[in-house]
Amino acid sequence: MGYQVGLTEEAQADLGAVVRFLAEKSPEAAERIGHELLDTALALTWFPRRGSPVRWRLGMRKLTYRHYLIFYQVNEAAQWVEVVRIWDGRQNPASLRLP
């Protein structure tokens, strides 16, 4: 059995913002990318250590999908993965806030 994966409210808001932004130009692309980002995050159920460690944040890992970064933490004891942010890598990195 795999790990449970959950998205924080902030990660859900990030995903919503990505989809809304893309929908202005292409609703089809927005739906596709939104599903692909969510599928990538949920795949952590089977491979929770797949992402690389975030050097400047102990215990945080990140996955890259296209130009998006999925930041998450793994709780081994509880077999839980918490996705904390879904960040467009083209945004100003100084404005990224991680817990």
Protein backbone atom coordinates (compact mmCIF):
# COMPACT_ATOMS: atom_id res chain seq x y z
CA MET A 1 0.00 0.00 0.00
CA GLY A 2 1.23 3.47 -0.86
CA TYR A 3 1.48 6.70 1.06
CA GLN A 4 -1.48 9.04 1.43
CA VAL A 5 -1.07 12.34 -0.41
CA GLY A 6 -2.76 15.59 0.55
CA LEU A 7 -2.57 19.18 -0.66
CA THR A 8 -2.54 22.09 1.76
CA GLU A 9 -5.00 24.91 1.22
CA GLU A 10 -2.14 26.99 -0.18
CA ALA A 11 -1.21 24.26 -2.70
CA GLN A 12 -4.86 23.98 -3.74
CA ALA A 13 -4.99 27.76 -4.20
CA ASP A 14 -1.78 27.63 -6.25
CA LEU A 15 -3.26 24.96 -8.51
CA GLY A 16 -6.45 26.98 -8.92
CA ALA A 17 -4.45 30.08 -9.82
CA VAL A 18 -2.50 28.17 -12.47
CA VAL A 19 -5.69 26.80 -14.02
CA ARG A 20 -7.45 30.20 -13.99
CA PHE A 21 -4.46 31.90 -15.57
CA LEU A 22 -4.18 29.30 -18.34
CA ALA A 23 -7.95 29.27 -18.93
CA GLU A 24 -7.81 32.89 -20.08
CA LYS A 25 -5.97 31.72 -23.20
CA SER A 26 -7.06 28.09 -23.53
CA PRO A 27 -9.62 26.33 -21.33
CA GLU A 28 -8.58 22.98 -22.80
CA ALA A 29 -4.90 23.53 -21.94
CA ALA A 30 -5.86 24.76 -18.48
CA GLU A 31 -7.84 21.60 -17.79
CA ARG A 32 -5.11 19.34 -19.17
CA ILE A 33 -2.25 21.01 -17.26
CA GLY A 34 -4.32 21.16 -14.08
CA HIS A 35 -4.98 17.42 -14.27
CA GLU A 36 -1.35 16.68 -15.13
CA LEU A 37 -0.08 18.68 -12.15
CA LEU A 38 -2.54 16.96 -9.83
CA ASP A 39 -1.65 13.53 -11.25
CA THR A 40 2.05 14.26 -10.76
CA ALA A 41 1.45 15.20 -7.12
CA LEU A 42 -0.77 12.17 -6.47
CA ALA A 43 1.83 9.83 -8.00
CA LEU A 44 3.89 10.52 -4.87
CA THR A 45 1.73 7.86 -3.22
CA TRP A 46 4.01 5.25 -4.79
CA PHE A 47 7.28 7.18 -5.05
CA PRO A 48 7.39 9.71 -2.19
CA ARG A 49 11.17 10.24 -2.42
CA ARG A 50 11.13 10.75 -6.17
CA GLY A 51 11.69 14.51 -5.94
CA SER A 52 14.96 16.16 -5.07
CA PRO A 53 15.69 17.69 -1.65
CA VAL A 54 15.36 21.46 -1.33
CA ARG A 55 18.80 22.52 -0.14
CA TRP A 56 17.67 25.58 1.75
CA ARG A 57 14.70 23.91 3.50
CA LEU A 58 15.36 20.82 5.63
CA GLY A 59 12.80 18.05 5.07
CA MET A 60 11.32 19.66 1.96
CA ARG A 61 11.45 18.01 -1.47
CA LYS A 62 10.42 19.21 -4.92
CA LEU A 63 9.27 17.73 -8.18
CA THR A 64 9.48 19.53 -11.47
CA TYR A 65 6.74 19.25 -14.05
CA ARG A 66 7.30 21.41 -17.12
CA HIS A 67 8.14 24.78 -15.53
CA TYR A 68 6.13 24.11 -12.36
CA LEU A 69 7.62 23.10 -9.04
CA ILE A 70 5.69 20.88 -6.62
CA PHE A 71 7.04 21.33 -3.10
CA TYR A 72 6.21 18.65 -0.54
CA GLN A 73 7.16 16.99 2.75
CA VAL A 74 7.19 13.28 3.59
CA ASN A 75 6.20 11.89 6.97
CA GLU A 76 7.64 8.36 6.94
CA ALA A 77 6.07 7.26 10.22
CA ALA A 78 2.56 8.20 9.11
CA GLN A 79 3.19 7.31 5.45
CA TRP A 80 1.88 10.75 4.52
CA VAL A 81 2.97 13.17 1.79
CA GLU A 82 1.89 16.79 2.14
CA VAL A 83 2.08 18.97 -0.97
CA VAL A 84 2.63 22.49 0.33
CA ARG A 85 3.03 24.58 -2.85
CA ILE A 86 2.63 24.29 -6.61
CA TRP A 87 4.80 27.07 -7.96
CA ASP A 88 5.27 28.41 -11.46
CA GLY A 89 9.04 28.50 -11.81
CA ARG A 90 8.78 31.58 -14.05
CA GLN A 91 7.59 33.67 -11.09
CA ASN A 92 9.92 35.73 -8.94
CA PRO A 93 11.63 33.20 -6.62
CA ALA A 94 11.96 35.81 -3.89
CA SER A 95 8.17 35.79 -3.46
CA LEU A 96 7.99 32.02 -2.79
CA ARG A 97 7.07 31.28 0.83
CA LEU A 98 7.39 27.75 2.17
CA PRO A 99 6.25 26.59 5.61
